[in-house]
């Protein structure tokens, strides 16, 4: 339990930041899912557009410390591989 004013304030600030970060992680996952749904639907143009937006969101999240930079790189790599594989499969 926080015993002084500074510690009580930090508890409040930490909770506010935790909720903000959770929202940002949820936003990131939503954009990743949009790419996966486009890949599953077979629409390569839509998948490429969704990937471009998702990569931007992933980079911003990593830059702000919402997710680790290695997780961001791994996610981008896997998504781009799936979109690229669509093009090979359609040819």
N, C-alpha and C. Protein backbone atom coordinates (compact mmCIF):
# COMPACT_ATOMS: atom_id res chain seq x y z
N UNK A 1 0.84 -1.19 0.00
CA UNK A 1 0.00 0.00 0.00
C UNK A 1 0.88 1.24 0.00
N UNK A 2 0.48 2.22 -0.78
CA UNK A 2 1.24 3.46 -0.86
C UNK A 2 1.12 4.24 0.44
N UNK A 3 2.27 4.66 0.97
CA UNK A 3 2.28 5.32 2.28
C UNK A 3 2.47 6.82 2.22
N UNK A 4 2.79 7.35 1.05
CA UNK A 4 2.94 8.81 0.98
C UNK A 4 2.28 9.33 -0.30
N UNK A 5 2.19 10.63 -0.40
CA UNK A 5 1.47 11.24 -1.52
C UNK A 5 2.10 10.88 -2.86
N UNK A 6 3.43 10.88 -2.92
CA UNK A 6 4.11 10.57 -4.18
C UNK A 6 3.82 9.14 -4.63
N UNK A 7 3.84 8.21 -3.70
CA UNK A 7 3.57 6.81 -4.04
C UNK A 7 2.13 6.62 -4.47
N UNK A 8 1.20 7.32 -3.79
CA UNK A 8 -0.21 7.22 -4.19
C UNK A 8 -0.41 7.77 -5.60
N UNK A 9 0.26 8.87 -5.92
CA UNK A 9 0.15 9.44 -7.25
C UNK A 9 0.71 8.47 -8.30
N UNK A 10 1.83 7.84 -8.01
CA UNK A 10 2.42 6.89 -8.96
C UNK A 10 1.47 5.72 -9.22
N UNK A 11 0.76 5.26 -8.20
CA UNK A 11 -0.20 4.17 -8.38
C UNK A 11 -1.28 4.59 -9.36
N UNK A 12 -1.78 5.80 -9.22
CA UNK A 12 -2.82 6.31 -10.12
C UNK A 12 -2.27 6.46 -11.53
N UNK A 13 -1.07 7.03 -11.67
CA UNK A 13 -0.48 7.23 -12.98
C UNK A 13 -0.17 5.90 -13.67
N UNK A 14 0.33 4.94 -12.90
CA UNK A 14 0.65 3.63 -13.48
C UNK A 14 -0.60 2.93 -14.00
N UNK A 15 -1.70 3.04 -13.28
CA UNK A 15 -2.94 2.41 -13.72
C UNK A 15 -3.46 3.06 -15.00
N UNK A 16 -3.37 4.39 -15.06
CA UNK A 16 -3.81 5.11 -16.26
C UNK A 16 -2.95 4.70 -17.47
N UNK A 17 -1.64 4.59 -17.27
CA UNK A 17 -0.74 4.20 -18.35
C UNK A 17 -0.97 2.75 -18.76
N UNK A 18 -1.25 1.87 -17.79
CA UNK A 18 -1.52 0.47 -18.10
C UNK A 18 -2.75 0.33 -18.99
N UNK A 19 -3.79 1.08 -18.68
CA UNK A 19 -5.01 1.04 -19.49
C UNK A 19 -4.75 1.58 -20.90
N UNK A 20 -3.96 2.64 -21.00
CA UNK A 20 -3.63 3.20 -22.31
C UNK A 20 -2.84 2.19 -23.13
N UNK A 21 -1.85 1.57 -22.51
CA UNK A 21 -1.03 0.58 -23.22
C UNK A 21 -1.86 -0.62 -23.67
N UNK A 22 -2.80 -1.04 -22.83
CA UNK A 22 -3.66 -2.17 -23.18
C UNK A 22 -4.49 -1.83 -24.42
N UNK A 23 -4.98 -0.60 -24.48
CA UNK A 23 -5.75 -0.16 -25.65
C UNK A 23 -4.90 -0.14 -26.90
N UNK A 24 -3.66 0.29 -26.78
CA UNK A 24 -2.76 0.34 -27.93
C UNK A 24 -2.40 -1.07 -28.40
N UNK A 25 -2.19 -2.00 -27.46
CA UNK A 25 -1.91 -3.40 -27.84
C UNK A 25 -3.10 -4.01 -28.55
N UNK A 26 -4.30 -3.69 -28.07
CA UNK A 26 -5.52 -4.20 -28.70
C UNK A 26 -5.64 -3.65 -30.12
N UNK A 27 -5.32 -2.38 -30.30
CA UNK A 27 -5.36 -1.75 -31.63
C UNK A 27 -4.38 -2.45 -32.57
N UNK A 28 -3.20 -2.75 -32.07
CA UNK A 28 -2.19 -3.43 -32.87
C UNK A 28 -2.70 -4.80 -33.31
N UNK A 29 -3.28 -5.55 -32.38
CA UNK A 29 -3.79 -6.88 -32.70
C UNK A 29 -4.92 -6.81 -33.73
N UNK A 30 -5.74 -5.76 -33.65
CA UNK A 30 -6.83 -5.58 -34.60
C UNK A 30 -6.29 -5.42 -36.01
N UNK A 31 -5.25 -4.61 -36.17
CA UNK A 31 -4.68 -4.41 -37.50
C UNK A 31 -4.00 -5.67 -38.03
N UNK A 32 -3.40 -6.44 -37.14
CA UNK A 32 -2.80 -7.72 -37.54
C UNK A 32 -3.89 -8.66 -38.04
N UNK A 33 -5.00 -8.70 -37.32
CA UNK A 33 -6.12 -9.57 -37.71
C UNK A 33 -6.70 -9.15 -39.06
N UNK A 34 -6.72 -7.86 -39.35
CA UNK A 34 -7.23 -7.40 -40.63
C UNK A 34 -6.39 -7.96 -41.78
N UNK A 35 -5.08 -8.02 -41.58
CA UNK A 35 -4.21 -8.60 -42.61
C UNK A 35 -4.51 -10.09 -42.75
N UNK A 36 -4.63 -10.79 -41.63
CA UNK A 36 -4.88 -12.23 -41.66
C UNK A 36 -6.22 -12.55 -42.32
N UNK A 37 -7.24 -11.73 -42.07
CA UNK A 37 -8.54 -11.95 -42.69
C UNK A 37 -8.47 -11.71 -44.20
N UNK A 38 -7.72 -10.70 -44.60
CA UNK A 38 -7.56 -10.42 -46.03
C UNK A 38 -6.83 -11.57 -46.72
N UNK A 39 -5.82 -12.12 -46.05
CA UNK A 39 -5.08 -13.27 -46.61
C UNK A 39 -6.01 -14.48 -46.71
N UNK A 40 -6.80 -14.72 -45.67
CA UNK A 40 -7.72 -15.85 -45.67
C UNK A 40 -8.78 -15.67 -46.75
N UNK A 41 -9.19 -14.43 -47.01
CA UNK A 41 -10.18 -14.16 -48.04
C UNK A 41 -9.63 -14.27 -49.45
N UNK A 42 -8.32 -14.27 -49.58
CA UNK A 42 -7.72 -14.43 -50.90
C UNK A 42 -7.61 -13.15 -51.71
N UNK A 43 -7.89 -12.01 -51.12
CA UNK A 43 -7.80 -10.73 -51.84
C UNK A 43 -6.42 -10.14 -51.62
N UNK A 44 -5.55 -10.29 -52.62
CA UNK A 44 -4.16 -9.87 -52.46
C UNK A 44 -4.03 -8.35 -52.37
N UNK A 45 -4.81 -7.60 -53.13
CA UNK A 45 -4.73 -6.14 -53.09
C UNK A 45 -5.12 -5.62 -51.71
N UNK A 46 -6.18 -6.19 -51.18
CA UNK A 46 -6.63 -5.78 -49.84
C UNK A 46 -5.62 -6.19 -48.79
N UNK A 47 -5.02 -7.37 -48.96
CA UNK A 47 -4.02 -7.85 -48.01
C UNK A 47 -2.80 -6.94 -48.00
N UNK A 48 -2.35 -6.52 -49.19
CA UNK A 48 -1.19 -5.62 -49.27
C UNK A 48 -1.49 -4.28 -48.61
N UNK A 49 -2.68 -3.75 -48.85
CA UNK A 49 -3.06 -2.47 -48.24
C UNK A 49 -3.13 -2.59 -46.72
N UNK A 50 -3.73 -3.68 -46.26
CA UNK A 50 -3.83 -3.91 -44.81
C UNK A 50 -2.45 -4.10 -44.19
N UNK A 51 -1.55 -4.77 -44.92
CA UNK A 51 -0.19 -4.99 -44.42
C UNK A 51 0.55 -3.66 -44.28
N UNK A 52 0.38 -2.78 -45.23
CA UNK A 52 1.06 -1.49 -45.18
C UNK A 52 0.61 -0.70 -43.95
N UNK A 53 -0.68 -0.69 -43.68
CA UNK A 53 -1.20 0.03 -42.51
C UNK A 53 -0.73 -0.66 -41.23
N UNK A 54 -0.78 -2.00 -41.21
CA UNK A 54 -0.39 -2.75 -40.02
C UNK A 54 1.08 -2.54 -39.70
N UNK A 55 1.93 -2.50 -40.71
CA UNK A 55 3.36 -2.29 -40.46
C UNK A 55 3.60 -0.94 -39.80
N UNK A 56 2.87 0.07 -40.22
CA UNK A 56 3.00 1.39 -39.61
C UNK A 56 2.60 1.35 -38.14
N UNK A 57 1.47 0.70 -37.85
CA UNK A 57 0.98 0.61 -36.47
C UNK A 57 1.96 -0.19 -35.62
N UNK A 58 2.50 -1.27 -36.17
CA UNK A 58 3.46 -2.11 -35.44
C UNK A 58 4.71 -1.31 -35.12
N UNK A 59 5.23 -0.57 -36.10
CA UNK A 59 6.44 0.23 -35.88
C UNK A 59 6.21 1.30 -34.81
N UNK A 60 5.07 1.96 -34.86
CA UNK A 60 4.78 2.99 -33.87
C UNK A 60 4.66 2.38 -32.47
N UNK A 61 4.05 1.22 -32.37
CA UNK A 61 3.91 0.56 -31.07
C UNK A 61 5.27 0.17 -30.50
N UNK A 62 6.14 -0.32 -31.36
CA UNK A 62 7.48 -0.70 -30.91
C UNK A 62 8.27 0.53 -30.50
N UNK A 63 8.13 1.60 -31.25
CA UNK A 63 8.85 2.84 -30.93
C UNK A 63 8.43 3.44 -29.60
N UNK A 64 7.18 3.24 -29.24
CA UNK A 64 6.67 3.80 -27.98
C UNK A 64 6.81 2.82 -26.82
N UNK A 65 7.34 1.64 -27.10
CA UNK A 65 7.56 0.68 -26.02
C UNK A 65 6.34 -0.13 -25.64
N UNK A 66 5.31 -0.10 -26.47
CA UNK A 66 4.10 -0.88 -26.19
C UNK A 66 4.42 -2.37 -26.35
N UNK A 67 5.18 -2.70 -27.39
CA UNK A 67 5.65 -4.07 -27.61
C UNK A 67 7.16 -4.02 -27.84
N UNK A 68 7.81 -5.14 -27.63
CA UNK A 68 9.26 -5.22 -27.83
C UNK A 68 9.58 -5.14 -29.31
N UNK A 69 10.72 -4.57 -29.64
CA UNK A 69 11.08 -4.38 -31.06
C UNK A 69 11.25 -5.72 -31.77
N UNK A 70 11.69 -6.76 -31.06
CA UNK A 70 11.83 -8.07 -31.69
C UNK A 70 10.47 -8.67 -32.03
N UNK A 71 9.48 -8.47 -31.15
CA UNK A 71 8.13 -8.94 -31.44
C UNK A 71 7.58 -8.22 -32.65
N UNK A 72 7.85 -6.92 -32.75
CA UNK A 72 7.38 -6.14 -33.88
C UNK A 72 8.00 -6.65 -35.18
N UNK A 73 9.31 -6.89 -35.16
CA UNK A 73 9.99 -7.37 -36.36
C UNK A 73 9.49 -8.74 -36.76
N UNK A 74 9.30 -9.61 -35.79
CA UNK A 74 8.82 -10.96 -36.06
C UNK A 74 7.42 -10.95 -36.64
N UNK A 75 6.55 -10.12 -36.09
CA UNK A 75 5.17 -10.03 -36.57
C UNK A 75 5.14 -9.50 -38.00
N UNK A 76 5.89 -8.44 -38.27
CA UNK A 76 5.94 -7.89 -39.62
C UNK A 76 6.47 -8.91 -40.62
N UNK A 77 7.49 -9.65 -40.22
CA UNK A 77 8.08 -10.64 -41.10
C UNK A 77 7.08 -11.74 -41.44
N UNK A 78 6.38 -12.23 -40.44
CA UNK A 78 5.42 -13.31 -40.66
C UNK A 78 4.24 -12.85 -41.52
N UNK A 79 3.77 -11.64 -41.27
CA UNK A 79 2.65 -11.12 -42.06
C UNK A 79 3.06 -10.92 -43.52
N UNK A 80 4.24 -10.33 -43.73
CA UNK A 80 4.67 -10.10 -45.10
C UNK A 80 4.92 -11.41 -45.83
N UNK A 81 5.39 -12.43 -45.11
CA UNK A 81 5.60 -13.74 -45.74
C UNK A 81 4.27 -14.34 -46.18
N UNK A 82 3.23 -14.16 -45.38
CA UNK A 82 1.91 -14.69 -45.76
C UNK A 82 1.35 -13.97 -46.98
N UNK A 83 1.51 -12.65 -47.01
CA UNK A 83 1.01 -11.88 -48.15
C UNK A 83 1.80 -12.24 -49.40
N UNK A 84 3.10 -12.39 -49.26
CA UNK A 84 3.95 -12.75 -50.39
C UNK A 84 3.60 -14.14 -50.91
N UNK A 85 3.30 -15.07 -50.01
CA UNK A 85 2.93 -16.43 -50.39
C UNK A 85 1.63 -16.44 -51.19
N UNK A 86 0.75 -15.48 -50.94
CA UNK A 86 -0.49 -15.39 -51.71
C UNK A 86 -0.20 -15.18 -53.18
N UNK A 87 0.76 -14.30 -53.46
CA UNK A 87 1.11 -14.00 -54.84
C UNK A 87 1.67 -15.21 -55.56
N UNK A 88 2.47 -16.00 -54.87
CA UNK A 88 3.06 -17.21 -55.46
C UNK A 88 1.97 -18.25 -55.72
N UNK A 89 1.04 -18.37 -54.80
CA UNK A 89 -0.03 -19.37 -54.92
C UNK A 89 -0.97 -19.03 -56.08
N UNK A 90 -1.19 -17.74 -56.35
CA UNK A 90 -2.12 -17.34 -57.40
C UNK A 90 -1.54 -17.47 -58.79
N UNK A 91 -0.22 -17.55 -58.91
CA UNK A 91 0.40 -17.61 -60.23
C UNK A 91 0.32 -18.96 -60.84
